[in-house]
Amino acid sequence: MSRYDVLVVGGAGVDTIVRVDRLEIPAADSLFVPPVRDYVAHTGNGVALGLHALGRSVKFLDFLGDDPQAALVLAEYARRGLDFSHVVSATGTPRAVNLVDAAGRRFSFYDGRHPADLRLPRDFWLPFLEQAGHVHLSITGVNRDLYPDVHRLGVTSSTDLHDWDGTNPHHRHYALESDLVFLSTAGVRGRHEQVMRAILEDGRAQVVVAMSGAEGSFLLGRGDAEVRHFPVVVPERPVVDTNGAGDAFVTGFLDFWLAGRPVEECMLAGAVSGAEACTTAGTHTDFVGADALASGVARASAASPR
């Protein structure tokens, strides 16, 4: 038995959310907006906290700075009871500024402050990897060296490529080395099927999932002849903020996947979890629980039987 259901490596930071009417710069040098707020966030954070909320045993690893943002992150994890360990980086804690419009759509300015060659030390992460049943690797670069040991130990792996353009070699490394690959169609509009097939043909992935916001999601498994489309699940509450929706989708999918559920149910779980994340303001402020996820999947399945 593994001590951790999931080891999440990389992707902790702080989002500053600015709410605006439209995602555009007005013809002026200033604009009054609602209160600007900071949230503990980023992609690994969303997956780790989301799985933790679903009752999974989770370990989260990353770099943090020695700065006020790190203090904010550590206080939030202590409050939520998330098992987190970190190494201090002189470059500080990653940050992003996200503009969110009246419809909940967002645009993110990510600072990407870590040097390209920054890596978490092997003697730091290996003991945790040896106790994990599954590892989720964020595409931050600090974890690129884990894959040889992931494969040697037989630990299953996943990653989220976000808005990969299908060619950037940084993302491609994660795409070809992971067993389960998620991406957004934002960077490959009109080419997502081609990119999904290439990941399966060139890499080790068994399943590729492409998320497309309000347009739903797409699934292609190894050996599948066609890419399958799954419609979006409409949340029961209004959409106010799409920050963290993709991470929530990954969380719901992974929870069902690790439970051995059929892949169609995994897709519904991802859609339900992603929709729920859109109903609260800020990044990763609310997470669906196991009972709510199960009932949401049951409702979605009844509404669109396959």
Protein backbone atom coordinates (compact mmCIF):
# COMPACT_ATOMS: atom_id res chain seq x y z
CA MET A 1 0.00 0.00 0.00
CA SER A 2 1.28 3.47 -0.92
CA ARG A 3 1.36 6.11 1.79
CA TYR A 4 0.18 8.76 -0.69
CA ASP A 5 -2.59 8.32 -3.25
CA VAL A 6 -1.10 11.22 -5.19
CA LEU A 7 2.19 13.11 -5.09
CA VAL A 8 1.87 16.55 -6.71
CA VAL A 9 5.14 18.21 -7.68
CA GLY A 10 5.39 21.86 -8.69
CA GLY A 11 2.85 24.60 -9.18
CA ALA A 12 2.42 26.59 -5.96
CA GLY A 13 2.12 30.37 -5.97
CA VAL A 14 -0.09 33.39 -5.47
CA ASP A 15 -2.67 34.92 -7.83
CA THR A 16 -3.65 38.56 -7.66
CA ILE A 17 -7.19 38.85 -9.07
CA VAL A 18 -8.36 42.08 -10.68
CA ARG A 19 -12.05 42.18 -11.65
CA VAL A 20 -12.83 44.29 -14.73
CA ASP A 21 -15.85 44.80 -16.98
CA ARG A 22 -14.03 43.65 -20.11
CA LEU A 23 -10.70 42.00 -20.94
CA GLU A 24 -9.30 45.10 -22.61
CA ILE A 25 -7.25 48.15 -21.71
CA PRO A 26 -9.44 51.29 -21.60
CA ALA A 27 -8.41 54.57 -23.22
CA ALA A 28 -7.23 56.04 -19.92
CA ASP A 29 -4.33 55.72 -17.50
CA SER A 30 -6.32 54.38 -14.55
CA LEU A 31 -9.56 52.60 -13.71
CA PHE A 32 -11.45 52.01 -10.46
CA VAL A 33 -12.07 48.30 -9.88
CA PRO A 34 -13.51 46.14 -7.07
CA PRO A 35 -11.06 45.20 -4.30
CA VAL A 36 -7.90 43.55 -5.64
CA ARG A 37 -7.29 40.29 -3.74
CA ASP A 38 -4.49 37.76 -3.40
CA TYR A 39 -5.21 34.02 -3.45
CA VAL A 40 -3.00 30.99 -2.88
CA ALA A 41 -3.11 29.43 -6.31
CA HIS A 42 -1.44 27.99 -9.41
CA THR A 43 -1.91 24.65 -11.07
CA GLY A 44 -0.29 22.21 -8.64
CA ASN A 45 -2.02 23.95 -5.76
CA GLY A 46 -5.41 23.41 -7.40
CA VAL A 47 -4.83 19.71 -8.04
CA ALA A 48 -3.37 19.06 -4.57
CA LEU A 49 -6.08 20.90 -2.64
CA GLY A 50 -8.83 19.52 -4.88
CA LEU A 51 -7.78 15.91 -4.31
CA HIS A 52 -7.29 16.62 -0.61
CA ALA A 53 -10.88 17.91 -0.43
CA LEU A 54 -12.06 14.68 -2.07
CA GLY A 55 -10.46 12.65 0.71
CA ARG A 56 -7.35 11.55 -1.14
CA SER A 57 -4.02 11.20 0.67
CA VAL A 58 -1.94 13.90 -0.99
CA LYS A 59 1.65 15.10 -0.69
CA PHE A 60 2.61 18.37 -2.37
CA LEU A 61 6.19 19.51 -3.11
CA ASP A 62 7.60 22.71 -4.60
CA PHE A 63 9.92 25.67 -4.28
CA LEU A 64 8.81 28.76 -2.36
CA GLY A 65 10.63 31.99 -1.70
CA ASP A 66 11.46 33.56 1.64
CA ASP A 67 8.85 36.25 1.19
CA PRO A 68 5.33 37.34 2.20
CA GLN A 69 3.79 35.24 -0.56
CA ALA A 70 5.41 32.10 0.87
CA ALA A 71 3.99 32.95 4.29
CA LEU A 72 0.55 33.27 2.70
CA VAL A 73 0.91 29.85 1.02
CA LEU A 74 2.15 28.10 4.17
CA ALA A 75 -0.60 29.59 6.32
CA GLU A 76 -3.27 28.44 3.88
CA TYR A 77 -1.93 24.88 3.73
CA ALA A 78 -1.75 24.72 7.51
CA ARG A 79 -5.36 25.92 7.71
CA ARG A 80 -6.53 23.30 5.23
CA GLY A 81 -4.38 20.48 6.60
CA LEU A 82 -2.54 19.87 3.31
CA ASP A 83 0.73 17.92 3.61
CA PHE A 84 3.26 20.22 1.94
CA SER A 85 7.06 20.39 1.90
CA HIS A 86 9.22 22.90 0.10
CA VAL A 87 12.72 24.05 -0.73
CA VAL A 88 13.54 27.76 -0.46
CA SER A 89 14.39 29.47 -3.74
CA ALA A 90 16.24 32.78 -3.94
CA THR A 91 14.04 33.77 -6.88
CA GLY A 92 10.97 33.95 -4.65
CA THR A 93 7.44 32.57 -4.78
CA PRO A 94 5.83 32.56 -8.26
CA ARG A 95 3.03 35.05 -8.82
CA ALA A 96 0.41 35.87 -11.41
CA VAL A 97 -1.96 38.76 -12.03
CA ASN A 98 -5.29 37.60 -13.47
CA LEU A 99 -7.89 39.86 -15.05
CA VAL A 100 -11.44 38.51 -14.68
CA ASP A 101 -14.31 40.03 -16.68
CA ALA A 102 -18.02 40.29 -15.87
CA ALA A 103 -18.71 36.90 -17.50
CA GLY A 104 -16.04 35.16 -15.41
CA ARG A 105 -13.52 34.81 -18.23
CA ARG A 106 -9.91 35.45 -17.31
CA PHE A 107 -6.54 36.41 -18.73
CA SER A 108 -3.43 35.61 -16.70
CA PHE A 109 -0.04 37.32 -16.55
CA TYR A 110 2.27 34.66 -15.05
CA ASP A 111 5.68 35.85 -13.88
CA GLY A 112 7.58 32.58 -14.47
CA ARG A 113 10.35 33.76 -12.16
CA HIS A 114 12.14 30.43 -11.67
CA PRO A 115 15.27 30.01 -13.84
CA ALA A 116 14.85 27.44 -16.61
CA ASP A 117 17.46 25.16 -15.04
CA LEU A 118 16.06 25.23 -11.50
CA ARG A 119 15.35 21.69 -10.25
CA LEU A 120 14.10 20.25 -6.98
CA PRO A 121 16.90 18.10 -5.47
CA ARG A 122 16.51 14.36 -6.00
CA ASP A 123 17.22 13.57 -2.35
CA PHE A 124 14.30 15.85 -1.45
CA TRP A 125 11.61 14.33 -3.67
CA LEU A 126 12.69 10.68 -4.09
CA PRO A 127 11.56 9.47 -0.63
CA PHE A 128 8.08 10.84 -1.31
CA LEU A 129 7.94 9.41 -4.82
CA GLU A 130 8.83 5.97 -3.42
CA GLN A 131 5.70 6.18 -1.24
CA ALA A 132 3.29 7.39 -3.94
CA GLY A 133 0.76 5.48 -5.98
CA HIS A 134 0.46 8.24 -8.58
CA VAL A 135 2.39 11.43 -9.34
CA HIS A 136 1.05 14.59 -10.99
CA LEU A 137 3.77 16.79 -12.49
CA SER A 138 3.02 20.45 -13.16
CA ILE A 139 4.81 21.92 -16.19
CA THR A 140 6.87 24.37 -14.13
CA GLY A 141 10.20 22.74 -15.02
CA VAL A 142 11.41 22.17 -11.46
CA ASN A 143 10.31 18.51 -11.65
CA ARG A 144 11.59 17.51 -15.10
CA ASP A 145 14.18 15.18 -13.60
CA LEU A 146 11.59 12.94 -11.90
CA TYR A 147 10.53 10.92 -14.92
CA PRO A 148 13.35 8.31 -14.99
CA ASP A 149 12.58 7.38 -11.38
CA VAL A 150 8.82 7.57 -11.98
CA HIS A 151 9.18 5.00 -14.75
CA ARG A 152 11.70 2.87 -12.81
CA LEU A 153 9.37 2.64 -9.82
CA GLY A 154 6.30 1.92 -11.94
CA VAL A 155 4.40 4.92 -10.54
CA THR A 156 1.67 6.16 -12.86
CA SER A 157 1.90 9.80 -13.85
CA SER A 158 -0.17 12.68 -15.18
CA THR A 159 0.41 16.23 -16.35
CA ASP A 160 -1.54 19.24 -17.58
CA LEU A 161 -0.01 20.99 -20.61
CA HIS A 162 -2.44 23.94 -20.37
CA ASP A 163 -2.45 26.01 -23.59
CA TRP A 164 0.40 24.13 -25.32
CA ASP A 165 0.82 25.00 -28.99
CA GLY A 166 1.70 21.41 -29.90
CA THR A 167 5.36 22.13 -30.62
CA ASN A 168 7.03 23.88 -27.67
CA PRO A 169 9.71 21.39 -26.51
CA HIS A 170 9.28 22.28 -22.83
CA HIS A 171 5.68 21.03 -22.81
CA ARG A 172 6.47 18.19 -25.20
CA HIS A 173 8.77 16.61 -22.62
CA TYR A 174 5.86 16.29 -20.18
CA ALA A 175 3.46 15.22 -22.94
CA LEU A 176 5.57 12.27 -24.02
CA GLU A 177 6.70 11.07 -20.57
CA SER A 178 3.30 11.00 -18.78
CA ASP A 179 0.71 8.23 -18.72
CA LEU A 180 -2.27 10.57 -18.58
CA VAL A 181 -2.14 13.91 -20.39
CA PHE A 182 -4.45 16.90 -20.09
CA LEU A 183 -4.32 20.05 -22.23
CA SER A 184 -6.42 23.03 -23.20
CA THR A 185 -7.58 23.58 -26.76
CA ALA A 186 -6.76 27.30 -26.38
CA GLY A 187 -3.29 26.91 -27.88
CA VAL A 188 -4.25 24.44 -30.64
CA ARG A 189 -7.54 25.78 -31.98
CA GLY A 190 -8.66 23.58 -34.87
CA ARG A 191 -5.72 21.19 -34.31
CA HIS A 192 -6.55 19.52 -31.00
CA GLU A 193 -7.33 16.13 -32.56
CA GLN A 194 -4.02 16.16 -34.45
CA VAL A 195 -2.09 17.08 -31.29
CA MET A 196 -3.90 14.47 -29.19
CA ARG A 197 -3.06 11.74 -31.70
CA ALA A 198 0.58 12.84 -31.86
CA ILE A 199 0.90 12.58 -28.07
CA LEU A 200 -0.33 8.99 -28.16
CA GLU A 201 1.77 8.04 -31.17
CA ASP A 202 5.03 9.57 -29.91
CA GLY A 203 4.74 9.09 -26.16
CA ARG A 204 3.67 6.66 -23.45
CA ALA A 205 0.26 8.16 -22.65
CA GLN A 206 -2.74 5.85 -22.44
CA VAL A 207 -5.30 8.66 -22.45
CA VAL A 208 -5.29 12.28 -23.65
CA VAL A 209 -7.96 14.78 -22.58
CA ALA A 210 -8.42 18.19 -24.21
CA MET A 211 -10.44 20.75 -22.24
CA SER A 212 -12.30 23.42 -24.16
CA GLY A 213 -14.16 25.52 -21.59
CA ALA A 214 -17.78 26.15 -22.47
CA GLU A 215 -17.39 23.90 -25.53
CA GLY A 216 -16.88 20.85 -23.34
CA SER A 217 -13.99 18.39 -23.52
CA PHE A 218 -12.47 15.77 -25.80
CA LEU A 219 -11.14 12.27 -25.09
CA LEU A 220 -8.80 10.02 -27.02
CA GLY A 221 -7.48 6.74 -25.62
CA ARG A 222 -4.77 4.49 -26.99
CA GLY A 223 -6.41 2.30 -29.61
CA ASP A 224 -9.44 4.58 -30.06
CA ALA A 225 -10.41 5.24 -33.66
CA GLU A 226 -12.19 8.54 -32.99
CA VAL A 227 -11.88 11.47 -30.62
CA ARG A 228 -14.98 11.61 -28.42
CA HIS A 229 -16.63 14.87 -27.41
CA PHE A 230 -18.24 15.39 -23.99
CA PRO A 231 -20.51 18.42 -23.49
CA VAL A 232 -19.98 20.88 -20.68
CA VAL A 233 -21.86 20.33 -17.42
CA VAL A 234 -23.84 23.44 -16.52
CA PRO A 235 -23.37 24.28 -12.83
CA GLU A 236 -26.37 24.79 -10.58
CA ARG A 237 -25.09 28.25 -9.56
CA PRO A 238 -24.08 31.17 -11.85
CA VAL A 239 -20.59 31.28 -13.36
CA VAL A 240 -18.58 34.10 -11.77
CA ASP A 241 -14.91 33.18 -12.26
CA THR A 242 -13.20 30.55 -14.44
CA ASN A 243 -9.87 30.73 -12.59
CA GLY A 244 -8.90 27.18 -11.58
CA ALA A 245 -11.56 25.42 -13.67
CA GLY A 246 -9.02 23.38 -15.61
CA ASP A 247 -7.24 22.26 -12.44
CA ALA A 248 -10.62 21.29 -10.97
CA PHE A 249 -11.39 19.22 -14.08
CA VAL A 250 -8.09 17.37 -13.67
CA THR A 251 -8.89 16.78 -10.00
CA GLY A 252 -12.31 15.27 -10.64
CA PHE A 253 -11.02 13.09 -13.46
CA LEU A 254 -8.06 11.83 -11.43
CA ASP A 255 -10.21 10.99 -8.42
CA PHE A 256 -12.45 8.72 -10.50
CA TRP A 257 -9.52 7.39 -12.53
CA LEU A 258 -7.65 6.31 -9.39
CA ALA A 259 -10.83 4.60 -8.19
CA GLY A 260 -10.85 2.48 -11.36
CA ARG A 261 -14.03 4.02 -12.74
CA PRO A 262 -14.84 3.86 -16.50
CA VAL A 263 -13.19 6.64 -18.46
CA GLU A 264 -16.60 8.05 -19.47
CA GLU A 265 -17.38 8.58 -15.78
CA CYS A 266 -13.96 10.15 -15.30
CA MET A 267 -14.80 12.70 -18.01
CA LEU A 268 -18.11 13.51 -16.31
CA ALA A 269 -16.36 13.85 -12.95
CA GLY A 270 -13.91 16.29 -14.50
CA ALA A 271 -16.72 18.30 -16.05
CA VAL A 272 -18.70 18.44 -12.80
CA SER A 273 -15.67 19.48 -10.77
CA GLY A 274 -14.64 22.10 -13.33
CA ALA A 275 -18.14 23.57 -13.45
CA GLU A 276 -18.29 23.81 -9.67
CA ALA A 277 -15.01 25.76 -9.60
CA CYS A 278 -16.55 28.45 -11.84
CA THR A 279 -19.24 29.32 -9.30
CA THR A 280 -16.96 30.99 -6.72
CA ALA A 281 -14.79 34.09 -7.07
CA GLY A 282 -11.02 33.79 -6.89
CA THR A 283 -8.63 30.93 -7.60
CA HIS A 284 -9.05 27.60 -5.79
CA THR A 285 -11.29 29.05 -3.09
CA ASP A 286 -13.86 26.23 -3.05
CA PHE A 287 -13.57 22.55 -3.89
CA VAL A 288 -16.19 19.93 -4.60
CA GLY A 289 -16.46 17.17 -1.97
CA ALA A 290 -16.73 13.45 -2.66
CA ASP A 291 -20.49 13.24 -2.08
CA ALA A 292 -21.23 16.30 -4.22
CA LEU A 293 -18.98 14.99 -6.99
CA ALA A 294 -20.67 11.59 -6.98
CA SER A 295 -24.17 13.09 -7.07
CA GLY A 296 -23.15 15.55 -9.77
CA VAL A 297 -21.80 12.74 -11.93
CA ALA A 298 -25.02 10.77 -11.42
CA ARG A 299 -27.12 13.77 -12.50
CA ALA A 300 -24.90 14.45 -15.52
CA SER A 301 -24.98 10.81 -16.56
CA ALA A 302 -28.77 10.69 -16.33
CA ALA A 303 -29.06 13.90 -18.36
CA SER A 304 -26.80 12.65 -21.17
CA PRO A 305 -26.75 8.82 -21.21
CA ARG A 306 -24.09 7.18 -23.39
